[in-house]
Protein backbone atom coordinates (compact mmCIF):
# COMPACT_ATOMS: atom_id res chain seq x y z
CA UNK A 1 -11.87 -13.84 24.32
CA UNK A 2 -9.16 -10.56 23.75
CA UNK A 3 -10.84 -9.23 20.42
CA UNK A 4 -13.72 -7.94 22.74
CA UNK A 5 -11.86 -5.11 24.26
CA UNK A 6 -10.27 -4.48 20.82
CA UNK A 7 -13.48 -4.71 19.13
CA UNK A 8 -14.76 -2.15 21.27
CA UNK A 9 -11.96 0.27 21.31
CA UNK A 10 -12.38 -0.08 17.68
CA UNK A 11 -15.80 1.42 17.45
CA UNK A 12 -15.10 3.83 19.88
CA UNK A 13 -12.79 5.25 17.92
CA UNK A 14 -15.01 5.29 14.69
CA UNK A 15 -17.84 7.39 16.83
CA UNK A 16 -14.77 9.42 17.20
CA UNK A 17 -14.12 9.91 13.95
CA UNK A 18 -18.01 10.24 13.02
CA UNK A 19 -18.60 12.94 16.07
CA UNK A 20 -15.37 14.93 14.52
CA UNK A 21 -16.89 15.35 11.21
CA UNK A 22 -20.55 15.67 12.37
CA UNK A 23 -21.74 12.32 10.15
CA UNK A 24 -24.77 10.68 11.74
CA UNK A 25 -23.31 7.51 10.60
CA UNK A 26 -19.87 5.38 9.57
CA UNK A 27 -20.82 3.54 6.66
CA UNK A 28 -17.49 1.41 6.23
CA UNK A 29 -14.13 0.60 8.33
CA UNK A 30 -10.96 -0.66 6.90
CA UNK A 31 -9.10 -2.86 9.44
CA UNK A 32 -5.74 -4.50 8.83
CA UNK A 33 -4.69 -7.75 10.83
CA UNK A 34 -1.70 -9.45 10.77
CA UNK A 35 -1.64 -13.68 11.13
CA UNK A 36 0.56 -12.77 14.15
CA UNK A 37 -0.80 -9.76 14.95
CA UNK A 38 -2.71 -11.56 18.34
CA UNK A 39 -6.09 -11.08 16.89
CA UNK A 40 -8.45 -13.62 15.38
CA UNK A 41 -10.10 -11.24 12.63
CA UNK A 42 -13.19 -14.35 12.70
CA UNK A 43 -13.63 -13.27 16.51
CA UNK A 44 -13.35 -8.98 15.75
CA UNK A 45 -16.55 -9.59 13.34
CA UNK A 46 -18.37 -11.34 15.23
CA UNK A 47 -18.03 -8.98 18.42
CA UNK A 48 -18.42 -5.93 16.03
CA UNK A 49 -21.99 -7.17 15.11
CA UNK A 50 -22.84 -7.51 18.64
CA UNK A 51 -21.38 -3.95 20.18
CA UNK A 52 -21.94 -2.09 17.13
CA UNK A 53 -25.82 -2.18 17.93
CA UNK A 54 -27.44 1.00 18.74
CA UNK A 55 -24.15 2.96 17.19
CA UNK A 56 -23.31 5.11 14.68
CA UNK A 57 -21.76 1.86 13.78
CA UNK A 58 -24.46 -0.43 13.31
CA UNK A 59 -24.59 -0.90 9.51
CA UNK A 60 -21.00 -0.28 8.99
CA UNK A 61 -19.74 -2.94 7.03
CA UNK A 62 -16.41 -3.91 8.63
CA UNK A 63 -13.25 -4.84 6.42
CA UNK A 64 -10.46 -6.74 7.51
CA UNK A 65 -7.30 -7.66 5.63
CA UNK A 66 -4.72 -9.91 6.40
CA UNK A 67 -1.39 -9.58 6.15
CA UNK A 68 1.10 -12.56 6.24
CA UNK A 69 4.12 -12.79 7.93
CA UNK A 70 6.89 -12.57 5.76
CA UNK A 71 10.78 -14.29 6.07
CA UNK A 72 13.63 -12.00 4.16
CA UNK A 73 16.43 -13.71 3.47
CA UNK A 74 19.29 -12.84 4.61
CA UNK A 75 21.70 -13.48 1.08
CA UNK A 76 18.68 -12.18 -1.34
CA UNK A 77 17.07 -10.30 0.96
CA UNK A 78 13.58 -11.52 -1.02
CA UNK A 79 10.56 -11.34 1.45
CA UNK A 80 8.31 -14.68 1.15
CA UNK A 81 6.11 -16.40 3.16
CA UNK A 82 7.44 -18.83 5.02
CA UNK A 83 6.67 -22.77 4.01
CA UNK A 84 6.15 -25.59 7.56
CA UNK A 85 9.25 -26.31 8.93
CA UNK A 86 11.16 -24.48 6.75
CA UNK A 87 13.40 -21.09 6.80
CA UNK A 88 14.52 -21.86 3.69
CA UNK A 89 14.39 -19.13 0.93
CA UNK A 90 12.34 -20.10 -2.54
CA UNK A 91 14.73 -17.69 -4.52
CA UNK A 92 17.98 -18.59 -3.65
CA UNK A 93 17.88 -21.52 -1.39
CA UNK A 94 19.85 -18.68 1.82
CA UNK A 95 18.09 -18.91 5.33
CA UNK A 96 15.44 -16.41 6.21
CA UNK A 97 14.84 -14.67 9.44
CA UNK A 98 11.53 -12.95 11.01
CA UNK A 99 10.36 -9.43 10.50
CA UNK A 100 7.83 -7.62 11.02
CA UNK A 101 5.76 -8.47 8.54
CA UNK A 102 2.26 -9.82 10.05
CA UNK A 103 2.14 -8.23 13.57
CA UNK A 104 -0.14 -5.41 12.07
CA UNK A 105 -2.73 -4.66 13.40
CA UNK A 106 -4.66 -0.95 13.13
CA UNK A 107 -7.70 0.75 11.62
CA UNK A 108 -6.67 2.37 8.16
CA UNK A 109 -8.94 3.91 7.19
CA UNK A 110 -13.10 4.82 8.13
CA UNK A 111 -15.82 6.01 5.99
CA UNK A 112 -18.57 8.30 7.00
C-alpha cells in the first residue's frame, strides 16, 4: 500500500520536469528499484496506470530496472548474489557481507 504515495510523487516529479521544459507530455520514465528497497515494482506499475490518468504522464511508458541485492566477499572482495541459506562466496568460498546494492530507489531519467 505504501507504493501509492511514492508512485504519486514520481508522477509529480515528472510533471514538474515537463513543466520546467515546457513539454506537453512525458514519454518515458526510467526508474531503478532495488529488491531490498521496500517497494514492489509491480505495485508501482499498477498504481502508475491509475494515478497518471489525466496528467502529462498518462501515455508515458514506465520502465523499471530491478536491482538484485549483492554481497561482498570478505576474502576476495568479489560481489555476488546470495544463494538461499548461504553467505558463501561462489568464487573463493569466503563469507560475504551485505552491501547497499539492492537498496536503490530513484528516477534514473525522464524523457519528454
